[in-house]
């Protein structure tokens, strides 16, 4: 699709679409994205927002929807939450607690 979008800021970014949530009335689509490597987040959101009209046009042509939803772009924070969970699980205190639970010595 990028061949028809002429914004150099958007073209040079590699952006992953992690999820799209559409409102029940199909009028709003929230697109969760993450730039490759996790950097340039604000720049990616701004570039997508600037090109929202063109992107909606492409989506409208590719679907049979009566109305193309309005697009809203958000950073997908799933990977950030996964990194934080990994960090917490690697802490000595947490690993010790998990070890006790596996041995049957925990309160669980």
PDB file of N, CA and C in Angstrom:
ATOM      1  N   UNK A   1       0.819  -1.195   0.000  1.00  0.00           N
ATOM      2  CA  UNK A   1       0.000   0.000   0.000  1.00  0.00           C
ATOM      3  C   UNK A   1       0.860   1.254   0.000  1.00  0.00           C
ATOM      4  N   UNK A   2       2.088   1.182   0.530  1.00  0.00           N
ATOM      5  CA  UNK A   2       2.891   2.401   0.685  1.00  0.00           C
ATOM      6  C   UNK A   2       3.235   3.041  -0.647  1.00  0.00           C
ATOM      7  N   UNK A   3       3.129   2.321  -1.773  1.00  0.00           N
ATOM      8  CA  UNK A   3       3.449   2.894  -3.069  1.00  0.00           C
ATOM      9  C   UNK A   3       2.551   4.060  -3.433  1.00  0.00           C
ATOM     10  N   UNK A   4       1.370   4.115  -2.854  1.00  0.00           N
ATOM     11  CA  UNK A   4       0.422   5.181  -3.159  1.00  0.00           C
ATOM     12  C   UNK A   4       0.412   6.281  -2.102  1.00  0.00           C
ATOM     13  N   UNK A   5       1.138   6.098  -1.032  1.00  0.00           N
ATOM     14  CA  UNK A   5       1.245   7.111   0.004  1.00  0.00           C
ATOM     15  C   UNK A   5       2.544   7.860  -0.242  1.00  0.00           C
ATOM     16  N   UNK A   6       2.455   9.177  -0.322  1.00  0.00           N
ATOM     17  CA  UNK A   6       3.609   9.968  -0.752  1.00  0.00           C
ATOM     18  C   UNK A   6       4.298  10.732   0.376  1.00  0.00           C
ATOM     19  N   UNK A   7       3.995  10.413   1.616  1.00  0.00           N
ATOM     20  CA  UNK A   7       4.620  11.083   2.753  1.00  0.00           C
ATOM     21  C   UNK A   7       5.964  10.403   3.035  1.00  0.00           C
ATOM     22  N   UNK A   8       7.088  11.089   2.810  1.00  0.00           N
ATOM     23  CA  UNK A   8       8.400  10.457   3.012  1.00  0.00           C
ATOM     24  C   UNK A   8       8.624   9.983   4.443  1.00  0.00           C
ATOM     25  N   UNK A   9       8.040  10.672   5.425  1.00  0.00           N
ATOM     26  CA  UNK A   9       8.200  10.244   6.817  1.00  0.00           C
ATOM     27  C   UNK A   9       7.535   8.889   7.048  1.00  0.00           C
ATOM     28  N   UNK A  10       6.383   8.686   6.438  1.00  0.00           N
ATOM     29  CA  UNK A  10       5.678   7.422   6.602  1.00  0.00           C
ATOM     30  C   UNK A  10       6.333   6.321   5.781  1.00  0.00           C
ATOM     31  N   UNK A  11       6.778   6.643   4.607  1.00  0.00           N
ATOM     32  CA  UNK A  11       7.389   5.641   3.722  1.00  0.00           C
ATOM     33  C   UNK A  11       8.656   5.061   4.333  1.00  0.00           C
ATOM     34  N   UNK A  12       9.453   5.876   5.016  1.00  0.00           N
ATOM     35  CA  UNK A  12      10.732   5.389   5.542  1.00  0.00           C
ATOM     36  C   UNK A  12      10.593   4.600   6.840  1.00  0.00           C
ATOM     37  N   UNK A  13       9.428   4.633   7.456  1.00  0.00           N
ATOM     38  CA  UNK A  13       9.218   3.894   8.702  1.00  0.00           C
ATOM     39  C   UNK A  13       8.666   2.502   8.415  1.00  0.00           C
ATOM     40  N   UNK A  14       9.178   1.514   9.107  1.00  0.00           N
ATOM     41  CA  UNK A  14       8.589   0.177   9.072  1.00  0.00           C
ATOM     42  C   UNK A  14       7.690   0.063  10.287  1.00  0.00           C
ATOM     43  N   UNK A  15       6.400  -0.078  10.040  1.00  0.00           N
ATOM     44  CA  UNK A  15       5.425  -0.069  11.121  1.00  0.00           C
ATOM     45  C   UNK A  15       4.653  -1.382  11.108  1.00  0.00           C
ATOM     46  N   UNK A  16       4.586  -2.016  12.265  1.00  0.00           N
ATOM     47  CA  UNK A  16       3.808  -3.237  12.415  1.00  0.00           C
ATOM     48  C   UNK A  16       2.435  -2.888  12.959  1.00  0.00           C
ATOM     49  N   UNK A  17       1.409  -3.429  12.333  1.00  0.00           N
ATOM     50  CA  UNK A  17       0.043  -3.294  12.853  1.00  0.00           C
ATOM     51  C   UNK A  17      -0.206  -4.537  13.686  1.00  0.00           C
ATOM     52  N   UNK A  18      -0.327  -4.345  14.986  1.00  0.00           N
ATOM     53  CA  UNK A  18      -0.481  -5.469  15.901  1.00  0.00           C
ATOM     54  C   UNK A  18      -1.935  -5.895  16.032  1.00  0.00           C
ATOM     55  N   UNK A  19      -2.842  -4.931  15.978  1.00  0.00           N
ATOM     56  CA  UNK A  19      -4.252  -5.230  16.214  1.00  0.00           C
ATOM     57  C   UNK A  19      -5.087  -4.064  15.705  1.00  0.00           C
ATOM     58  N   UNK A  20      -6.305  -4.383  15.293  1.00  0.00           N
ATOM     59  CA  UNK A  20      -7.282  -3.358  14.931  1.00  0.00           C
ATOM     60  C   UNK A  20      -8.563  -3.690  15.675  1.00  0.00           C
ATOM     61  N   UNK A  21      -9.062  -2.733  16.443  1.00  0.00           N
ATOM     62  CA  UNK A  21     -10.334  -2.910  17.159  1.00  0.00           C
ATOM     63  C   UNK A  21     -11.351  -1.963  16.541  1.00  0.00           C
ATOM     64  N   UNK A  22     -12.441  -2.523  16.112  1.00  0.00           N
ATOM     65  CA  UNK A  22     -13.484  -1.731  15.460  1.00  0.00           C
ATOM     66  C   UNK A  22     -14.646  -1.587  16.424  1.00  0.00           C
ATOM     67  N   UNK A  23     -15.195  -0.370  16.502  1.00  0.00           N
ATOM     68  CA  UNK A  23     -16.336  -0.123  17.383  1.00  0.00           C
ATOM     69  C   UNK A  23     -17.536  -0.947  16.908  1.00  0.00           C
ATOM     70  N   UNK A  24     -18.471  -1.240  17.807  1.00  0.00           N
ATOM     71  CA  UNK A  24     -19.632  -2.062  17.435  1.00  0.00           C
ATOM     72  C   UNK A  24     -20.420  -1.512  16.245  1.00  0.00           C
ATOM     73  N   UNK A  25     -20.457  -0.198  16.088  1.00  0.00           N
ATOM     74  CA  UNK A  25     -21.190   0.383  14.958  1.00  0.00           C
ATOM     75  C   UNK A  25     -20.338   0.500  13.693  1.00  0.00           C
ATOM     76  N   UNK A  26     -19.098   0.004  13.752  1.00  0.00           N
ATOM     77  CA  UNK A  26     -18.168  -0.017  12.616  1.00  0.00           C
ATOM     78  C   UNK A  26     -17.754   1.383  12.141  1.00  0.00           C
ATOM     79  N   UNK A  27     -17.911   2.381  12.975  1.00  0.00           N
ATOM     80  CA  UNK A  27     -17.577   3.751  12.569  1.00  0.00           C
ATOM     81  C   UNK A  27     -16.156   4.161  12.928  1.00  0.00           C
ATOM     82  N   UNK A  28     -15.573   3.494  13.934  1.00  0.00           N
ATOM     83  CA  UNK A  28     -14.223   3.860  14.390  1.00  0.00           C
ATOM     84  C   UNK A  28     -13.372   2.591  14.446  1.00  0.00           C
ATOM     85  N   UNK A  29     -12.195   2.658  13.853  1.00  0.00           N
ATOM     86  CA  UNK A  29     -11.223   1.566  13.941  1.00  0.00           C
ATOM     87  C   UNK A  29      -9.991   2.102  14.651  1.00  0.00           C
ATOM     88  N   UNK A  30      -9.671   1.510  15.785  1.00  0.00           N
ATOM     89  CA  UNK A  30      -8.463   1.875  16.513  1.00  0.00           C
ATOM     90  C   UNK A  30      -7.380   0.906  16.087  1.00  0.00           C
ATOM     91  N   UNK A  31      -6.316   1.453  15.518  1.00  0.00           N
ATOM     92  CA  UNK A  31      -5.232   0.662  14.952  1.00  0.00           C
ATOM     93  C   UNK A  31      -4.042   0.750  15.899  1.00  0.00           C
ATOM     94  N   UNK A  32      -3.640  -0.402  16.450  1.00  0.00           N
ATOM     95  CA  UNK A  32      -2.518  -0.463  17.370  1.00  0.00           C
ATOM     96  C   UNK A  32      -1.261  -0.804  16.578  1.00  0.00           C
ATOM     97  N   UNK A  33      -0.280   0.082  16.641  1.00  0.00           N
ATOM     98  CA  UNK A  33       0.917  -0.040  15.808  1.00  0.00           C
ATOM     99  C   UNK A  33       2.183   0.036  16.652  1.00  0.00           C
ATOM    100  N   UNK A  34       3.288  -0.443  16.053  1.00  0.00           N
ATOM    101  CA  UNK A  34       4.596  -0.311  16.680  1.00  0.00           C
ATOM    102  C   UNK A  34       5.634  -0.177  15.579  1.00  0.00           C
ATOM    103  N   UNK A  35       6.386   0.923  15.587  1.00  0.00           N
ATOM    104  CA  UNK A  35       7.486   1.053  14.621  1.00  0.00           C
ATOM    105  C   UNK A  35       8.546  -0.012  14.888  1.00  0.00           C
ATOM    106  N   UNK A  36       9.190  -0.453  13.831  1.00  0.00           N
ATOM    107  CA  UNK A  36      10.252  -1.441  13.949  1.00  0.00           C
ATOM    108  C   UNK A  36      11.314  -0.944  14.926  1.00  0.00           C
ATOM    109  N   UNK A  37      11.657  -1.767  15.880  1.00  0.00           N
ATOM    110  CA  UNK A  37      12.655  -1.409  16.883  1.00  0.00           C
ATOM    111  C   UNK A  37      12.082  -0.634  18.053  1.00  0.00           C
ATOM    112  N   UNK A  38      10.838  -0.208  17.967  1.00  0.00           N
ATOM    113  CA  UNK A  38      10.180   0.475  19.073  1.00  0.00           C
ATOM    114  C   UNK A  38      10.450   1.969  19.162  1.00  0.00           C
ATOM    115  N   UNK A  39      11.328   2.508  18.305  1.00  0.00           N
ATOM    116  CA  UNK A  39      11.616   3.937  18.339  1.00  0.00           C
ATOM    117  C   UNK A  39      10.696   4.727  17.427  1.00  0.00           C
ATOM    118  N   UNK A  40      10.846   6.010  17.429  1.00  0.00           N
ATOM    119  CA  UNK A  40      10.090   6.914  16.554  1.00  0.00           C
ATOM    120  C   UNK A  40       8.575   6.765  16.719  1.00  0.00           C
ATOM    121  N   UNK A  41       8.134   6.521  17.920  1.00  0.00           N
ATOM    122  CA  UNK A  41       6.703   6.277  18.160  1.00  0.00           C
ATOM    123  C   UNK A  41       5.851   7.493  17.833  1.00  0.00           C
ATOM    124  N   UNK A  42       6.226   8.645  18.373  1.00  0.00           N
ATOM    125  CA  UNK A  42       5.437   9.864  18.128  1.00  0.00           C
ATOM    126  C   UNK A  42       5.435  10.217  16.648  1.00  0.00           C
ATOM    127  N   UNK A  43       6.579  10.046  16.016  1.00  0.00           N
ATOM    128  CA  UNK A  43       6.707  10.335  14.588  1.00  0.00           C
ATOM    129  C   UNK A  43       5.801   9.410  13.761  1.00  0.00           C
ATOM    130  N   UNK A  44       5.746   8.143  14.136  1.00  0.00           N
ATOM    131  CA  UNK A  44       4.905   7.180  13.416  1.00  0.00           C
ATOM    132  C   UNK A  44       3.431   7.528  13.557  1.00  0.00           C
ATOM    133  N   UNK A  45       3.002   7.844  14.771  1.00  0.00           N
ATOM    134  CA  UNK A  45       1.590   8.194  14.999  1.00  0.00           C
ATOM    135  C   UNK A  45       1.238   9.452  14.221  1.00  0.00           C
ATOM    136  N   UNK A  46       2.122  10.448  14.237  1.00  0.00           N
ATOM    137  CA  UNK A  46       1.863  11.700  13.509  1.00  0.00           C
ATOM    138  C   UNK A  46       1.782  11.448  12.003  1.00  0.00           C
ATOM    139  N   UNK A  47       2.682  10.625  11.470  1.00  0.00           N
ATOM    140  CA  UNK A  47       2.681  10.338  10.027  1.00  0.00           C
ATOM    141  C   UNK A  47       1.428   9.573   9.628  1.00  0.00           C
ATOM    142  N   UNK A  48       1.033   8.606  10.432  1.00  0.00           N
ATOM    143  CA  UNK A  48      -0.199   7.865  10.132  1.00  0.00           C
ATOM    144  C   UNK A  48      -1.413   8.781  10.170  1.00  0.00           C
ATOM    145  N   UNK A  49      -1.470   9.646  11.178  1.00  0.00           N
ATOM    146  CA  UNK A  49      -2.593  10.576  11.295  1.00  0.00           C
ATOM    147  C   UNK A  49      -2.646  11.539  10.103  1.00  0.00           C
ATOM    148  N   UNK A  50      -1.484  12.013   9.656  1.00  0.00           N
ATOM    149  CA  UNK A  50      -1.442  12.912   8.495  1.00  0.00           C
ATOM    150  C   UNK A  50      -1.960  12.236   7.231  1.00  0.00           C
ATOM    151  N   UNK A  51      -1.786  10.947   7.142  1.00  0.00           N
ATOM    152  CA  UNK A  51      -2.154  10.199   5.945  1.00  0.00           C
ATOM    153  C   UNK A  51      -3.434   9.391   6.133  1.00  0.00           C
ATOM    154  N   UNK A  52      -4.187   9.713   7.158  1.00  0.00           N
ATOM    155  CA  UNK A  52      -5.397   8.965   7.480  1.00  0.00           C
ATOM    156  C   UNK A  52      -6.374   8.928   6.309  1.00  0.00           C
ATOM    157  N   UNK A  53      -6.532  10.021   5.614  1.00  0.00           N
ATOM    158  CA  UNK A  53      -7.467  10.073   4.485  1.00  0.00           C
ATOM    159  C   UNK A  53      -7.092   9.105   3.385  1.00  0.00           C
ATOM    160  N   UNK A  54      -5.817   9.096   3.018  1.00  0.00           N
ATOM    161  CA  UNK A  54      -5.353   8.166   1.983  1.00  0.00           C
ATOM    162  C   UNK A  54      -5.485   6.721   2.434  1.00  0.00           C
ATOM    163  N   UNK A  55      -5.160   6.461   3.681  1.00  0.00           N
ATOM    164  CA  UNK A  55      -5.250   5.104   4.202  1.00  0.00           C
ATOM    165  C   UNK A  55      -6.705   4.633   4.238  1.00  0.00           C
ATOM    166  N   UNK A  56      -7.606   5.506   4.659  1.00  0.00           N
ATOM    167  CA  UNK A  56      -9.040   5.168   4.653  1.00  0.00           C
ATOM    168  C   UNK A  56      -9.509   4.887   3.234  1.00  0.00           C
ATOM    169  N   UNK A  57      -9.037   5.662   2.275  1.00  0.00           N
ATOM    170  CA  UNK A  57      -9.415   5.465   0.871  1.00  0.00           C
ATOM    171  C   UNK A  57      -9.008   4.059   0.411  1.00  0.00           C
ATOM    172  N   UNK A  58      -7.777   3.648   0.730  1.00  0.00           N
ATOM    173  CA  UNK A  58      -7.301   2.317   0.350  1.00  0.00           C
ATOM    174  C   UNK A  58      -8.123   1.219   1.026  1.00  0.00           C
ATOM    175  N   UNK A  59      -8.433   1.419   2.300  1.00  0.00           N
ATOM    176  CA  UNK A  59      -9.241   0.435   3.026  1.00  0.00           C
ATOM    177  C   UNK A  59     -10.637   0.349   2.414  1.00  0.00           C
ATOM    178  N   UNK A  60     -11.207   1.495   2.077  1.00  0.00           N
ATOM    179  CA  UNK A  60     -12.529   1.515   1.457  1.00  0.00           C
ATOM    180  C   UNK A  60     -12.567   0.762   0.140  1.00  0.00           C
ATOM    181  N   UNK A  61     -11.507   0.907  -0.652  1.00  0.00           N
ATOM    182  CA  UNK A  61     -11.433   0.208  -1.937  1.00  0.00           C
ATOM    183  C   UNK A  61     -11.249  -1.296  -1.756  1.00  0.00           C
ATOM    184  N   UNK A  62     -10.586  -1.683  -0.671  1.00  0.00           N
ATOM    185  CA  UNK A  62     -10.259  -3.095  -0.453  1.00  0.00           C
ATOM    186  C   UNK A  62     -11.354  -3.867   0.292  1.00  0.00           C
ATOM    187  N   UNK A  63     -12.359  -3.170   0.796  1.00  0.00           N
ATOM    188  CA  UNK A  63     -13.416  -3.836   1.562  1.00  0.00           C
ATOM    189  C   UNK A  63     -14.772  -3.562   0.934  1.00  0.00           C
ATOM    190  N   UNK A  64     -15.769  -4.251   1.432  1.00  0.00           N
ATOM    191  CA  UNK A  64     -17.135  -4.062   0.945  1.00  0.00           C
ATOM    192  C   UNK A  64     -17.997  -3.345   1.979  1.00  0.00           C
ATOM    193  N   UNK A  65     -17.355  -2.653   2.896  1.00  0.00           N
ATOM    194  CA  UNK A  65     -18.102  -1.934   3.927  1.00  0.00           C
ATOM    195  C   UNK A  65     -18.854  -0.759   3.323  1.00  0.00           C
ATOM    196  N   UNK A  66     -20.037  -0.515   3.844  1.00  0.00           N
ATOM    197  CA  UNK A  66     -20.827   0.629   3.371  1.00  0.00           C
ATOM    198  C   UNK A  66     -20.121   1.940   3.718  1.00  0.00           C
ATOM    199  N   UNK A  67     -19.569   2.012   4.920  1.00  0.00           N
ATOM    200  CA  UNK A  67     -18.811   3.188   5.379  1.00  0.00           C
ATOM    201  C   UNK A  67     -17.447   2.718   5.861  1.00  0.00           C
ATOM    202  N   UNK A  68     -16.420   3.408   5.451  1.00  0.00           N
ATOM    203  CA  UNK A  68     -15.077   3.094   5.938  1.00  0.00           C
ATOM    204  C   UNK A  68     -14.914   3.731   7.315  1.00  0.00           C
ATOM    205  N   UNK A  69     -14.476   2.957   8.294  1.00  0.00           N
ATOM    206  CA  UNK A  69     -14.345   3.521   9.645  1.00  0.00           C
ATOM    207  C   UNK A  69     -13.317   4.642   9.713  1.00  0.00           C
ATOM    208  N   UNK A  70     -13.548   5.560  10.635  1.00  0.00           N
ATOM    209  CA  UNK A  70     -12.554   6.581  10.947  1.00  0.00           C
ATOM    210  C   UNK A  70     -11.392   5.862  11.624  1.00  0.00           C
ATOM    211  N   UNK A  71     -10.182   6.212  11.269  1.00  0.00           N
ATOM    212  CA  UNK A  71      -9.004   5.540  11.804  1.00  0.00           C
ATOM    213  C   UNK A  71      -8.392   6.344  12.945  1.00  0.00           C
ATOM    214  N   UNK A  72      -8.084   5.654  14.006  1.00  0.00           N
ATOM    215  CA  UNK A  72      -7.363   6.241  15.134  1.00  0.00           C
ATOM    216  C   UNK A  72      -6.158   5.359  15.397  1.00  0.00           C
ATOM    217  N   UNK A  73      -5.021   5.976  15.570  1.00  0.00           N
ATOM    218  CA  UNK A  73      -3.777   5.227  15.712  1.00  0.00           C
ATOM    219  C   UNK A  73      -3.249   5.349  17.135  1.00  0.00           C
ATOM    220  N   UNK A  74      -2.870   4.197  17.692  1.00  0.00           N
ATOM    221  CA  UNK A  74      -2.332   4.131  19.053  1.00  0.00           C
ATOM    222  C   UNK A  74      -1.093   3.233  19.023  1.00  0.00           C
ATOM    223  N   UNK A  75      -0.156   3.523  19.904  1.00  0.00           N
ATOM    224  CA  UNK A  75       1.013   2.658  20.043  1.00  0.00           C
ATOM    225  C   UNK A  75       0.583   1.378  20.763  1.00  0.00           C
ATOM    226  N   UNK A  76       0.987   0.238  20.223  1.00  0.00           N
ATOM    227  CA  UNK A  76       0.725  -1.048  20.853  1.00  0.00           C
ATOM    228  C   UNK A  76       1.749  -1.229  21.967  1.00  0.00           C
ATOM    229  N   UNK A  77       1.290  -1.268  23.181  1.00  0.00           N
ATOM    230  CA  UNK A  77       2.198  -1.365  24.328  1.00  0.00           C
ATOM    231  C   UNK A  77       2.358  -2.795  24.829  1.00  0.00           C
ATOM    232  N   UNK A  78       1.882  -3.759  24.047  1.00  0.00           N
ATOM    233  CA  UNK A  78       1.978  -5.161  24.447  1.00  0.00           C
ATOM    234  C   UNK A  78       3.426  -5.563  24.712  1.00  0.00           C
ATOM    235  N   UNK A  79       4.336  -5.185  23.806  1.00  0.00           N
ATOM    236  CA  UNK A  79       5.727  -5.580  23.971  1.00  0.00           C
ATOM    237  C   UNK A  79       6.347  -4.918  25.194  1.00  0.00           C
ATOM    238  N   UNK A  80       5.969  -3.661  25.462  1.00  0.00           N
ATOM    239  CA  UNK A  80       6.474  -2.994  26.663  1.00  0.00           C
ATOM    240  C   UNK A  80       6.014  -3.734  27.918  1.00  0.00           C
ATOM    241  N   UNK A  81       4.747  -4.154  27.934  1.00  0.00           N
ATOM    242  CA  UNK A  81       4.230  -4.887  29.092  1.00  0.00           C
ATOM    243  C   UNK A  81       4.910  -6.248  29.221  1.00  0.00           C
ATOM    244  N   UNK A  82       5.175  -6.913  28.078  1.00  0.00           N
ATOM    245  CA  UNK A  82       5.873  -8.197  28.115  1.00  0.00           C
ATOM    246  C   UNK A  82       7.288  -8.026  28.659  1.00  0.00           C
ATOM    247  N   UNK A  83       7.972  -6.964  28.229  1.00  0.00           N
ATOM    248  CA  UNK A  83       9.323  -6.702  28.735  1.00  0.00           C
ATOM    249  C   UNK A  83       9.303  -6.456  30.238  1.00  0.00           C
ATOM    250  N   UNK A  84       8.325  -5.702  30.708  1.00  0.00           N
ATOM    251  CA  UNK A  84       8.219  -5.417  32.136  1.00  0.00           C
ATOM    252  C   UNK A  84       7.928  -6.705  32.909  1.00  0.00           C
ATOM    253  N   UNK A  85       7.074  -7.564  32.378  1.00  0.00           N
ATOM    254  CA  UNK A  85       6.773  -8.840  33.030  1.00  0.00           C
ATOM    255  C   UNK A  85       8.022  -9.709  33.101  1.00  0.00           C
ATOM    256  N   UNK A  86       8.779  -9.778  31.995  1.00  0.00           N
ATOM    257  CA  UNK A  86      10.030 -10.546  31.997  1.00  0.00           C
ATOM    258  C   UNK A  86      11.003 -10.000  33.036  1.00  0.00           C
ATOM    259  N   UNK A  87      11.085  -8.665  33.112  1.00  0.00           N
ATOM    260  CA  UNK A  87      11.983  -8.040  34.080  1.00  0.00           C
ATOM    261  C   UNK A  87      11.589  -8.419  35.501  1.00  0.00           C
ATOM    262  N   UNK A  88      10.277  -8.336  35.787  1.00  0.00           N
ATOM    263  CA  UNK A  88       9.807  -8.685  37.130  1.00  0.00           C
ATOM    264  C   UNK A  88      10.074 -10.153  37.449  1.00  0.00           C
ATOM    265  N   UNK A  89       9.816 -11.033  36.475  1.00  0.00           N
ATOM    266  CA  UNK A  89      10.019 -12.464  36.707  1.00  0.00           C
ATOM    267  C   UNK A  89      11.490 -12.820  36.886  1.00  0.00           C
ATOM    268  N   UNK A  90      12.397 -11.983  36.409  1.00  0.00           N
ATOM    269  CA  UNK A  90      13.825 -12.275  36.549  1.00  0.00           C
ATOM    270  C   UNK A  90      14.397 -11.766  37.869  1.00  0.00           C
ATOM    271  N   UNK A  91      13.632 -10.988  38.623  1.00  0.00           N
ATOM    272  CA  UNK A  91      14.125 -10.502  39.914  1.00  0.00           C
ATOM    273  C   UNK A  91      14.310 -11.681  40.864  1.00  0.00           C
ATOM    274  N   UNK A  92      15.385 -11.643  41.639  1.00  0.00           N
ATOM    275  CA  UNK A  92      15.691 -12.729  42.572  1.00  0.00           C
ATOM    276  C   UNK A  92      14.540 -12.998  43.533  1.00  0.00           C
ATOM    277  N   UNK A  93      13.939 -11.943  44.056  1.00  0.00           N
ATOM    278  CA  UNK A  93      12.844 -12.085  45.026  1.00  0.00           C
ATOM    279  C   UNK A  93      11.668 -12.835  44.402  1.00  0.00           C
ATOM    280  N   UNK A  94      11.318 -12.477  43.174  1.00  0.00           N
ATOM    281  CA  UNK A  94      10.187 -13.114  42.499  1.00  0.00           C
ATOM    282  C   UNK A  94      10.537 -14.557  42.144  1.00  0.00           C
ATOM    283  N   UNK A  95      11.754 -14.783  41.662  1.00  0.00           N
ATOM    284  CA  UNK A  95      12.168 -16.151  41.319  1.00  0.00           C
ATOM    285  C   UNK A  95      12.149 -17.041  42.555  1.00  0.00           C
ATOM    286  N   UNK A  96      12.555 -16.478  43.691  1.00  0.00           N
ATOM    287  CA  UNK A  96      12.527 -17.248  44.940  1.00  0.00           C
ATOM    288  C   UNK A  96      11.086 -17.602  45.310  1.00  0.00           C
ATOM    289  N   UNK A  97      10.165 -16.641  45.185  1.00  0.00           N
ATOM    290  CA  UNK A  97       8.750 -16.902  45.469  1.00  0.00           C
ATOM    291  C   UNK A  97       8.191 -17.959  44.536  1.00  0.00           C
ATOM    292  N   UNK A  98       8.538 -17.871  43.259  1.00  0.00           N
ATOM    293  CA  UNK A  98       8.053 -18.854  42.290  1.00  0.00           C
ATOM    294  C   UNK A  98       8.610 -20.233  42.604  1.00  0.00           C
ATOM    295  N   UNK A  99       9.855 -20.305  43.014  1.00  0.00           N
ATOM    296  CA  UNK A  99      10.475 -21.583  43.380  1.00  0.00           C
ATOM    297  C   UNK A  99       9.784 -22.226  44.567  1.00  0.00           C
ATOM    298  N   UNK A 100       9.416 -21.427  45.565  1.00  0.00           N
ATOM    299  CA  UNK A 100       8.697 -21.946  46.736  1.00  0.00           C
ATOM    300  C   UNK A 100       7.341 -22.491  46.325  1.00  0.00           C
ATOM    301  N   UNK A 101       6.634 -21.793  45.431  1.00  0.00           N
ATOM    302  CA  UNK A 101       5.313 -22.255  44.991  1.00  0.00           C
ATOM    303  C   UNK A 101       5.420 -23.569  44.233  1.00  0.00           C
ATOM    304  N   UNK A 102       6.478 -23.733  43.429  1.00  0.00           N
ATOM    305  CA  UNK A 102       6.658 -24.987  42.683  1.00  0.00           C
ATOM    306  C   UNK A 102       6.951 -26.149  43.619  1.00  0.00           C
ATOM    307  N   UNK A 103       7.605 -25.886  44.756  1.00  0.00           N
ATOM    308  CA  UNK A 103       7.934 -26.938  45.718  1.00  0.00           C
ATOM    309  C   UNK A 103       6.761 -27.265  46.636  1.00  0.00           C
ATOM    310  N   UNK A 104       5.701 -26.502  46.511  1.00  0.00           N
ATOM    311  CA  UNK A 104       4.549 -26.739  47.384  1.00  0.00           C
ATOM    312  C   UNK A 104       4.673 -26.034  48.696  1.00  0.00           C
ATOM    313  N   UNK A 105       5.687 -25.171  48.853  1.00  0.00           N
ATOM    314  CA  UNK A 105       5.892 -24.479  50.121  1.00  0.00           C
ATOM    315  C   UNK A 105       5.198 -23.116  50.163  1.00  0.00           C
ATOM    316  N   UNK A 106       4.606 -22.704  49.053  1.00  0.00           N
ATOM    317  CA  UNK A 106       3.987 -21.375  48.988  1.00  0.00           C
ATOM    318  C   UNK A 106       2.606 -21.385  49.584  1.00  0.00           C
ATOM    319  N   UNK A 107       2.020 -20.227  49.636  1.00  0.00           N
ATOM    320  CA  UNK A 107       0.668 -20.084  50.206  1.00  0.00           C
ATOM    321  C   UNK A 107      -0.416 -20.427  49.222  1.00  0.00           C
ATOM    322  N   UNK A 108      -0.083 -20.634  47.974  1.00  0.00           N
ATOM    323  CA  UNK A 108      -1.098 -20.845  46.945  1.00  0.00           C
ATOM    324  C   UNK A 108      -1.803 -22.168  47.103  1.00  0.00           C
TER     325      UNK A 108
END
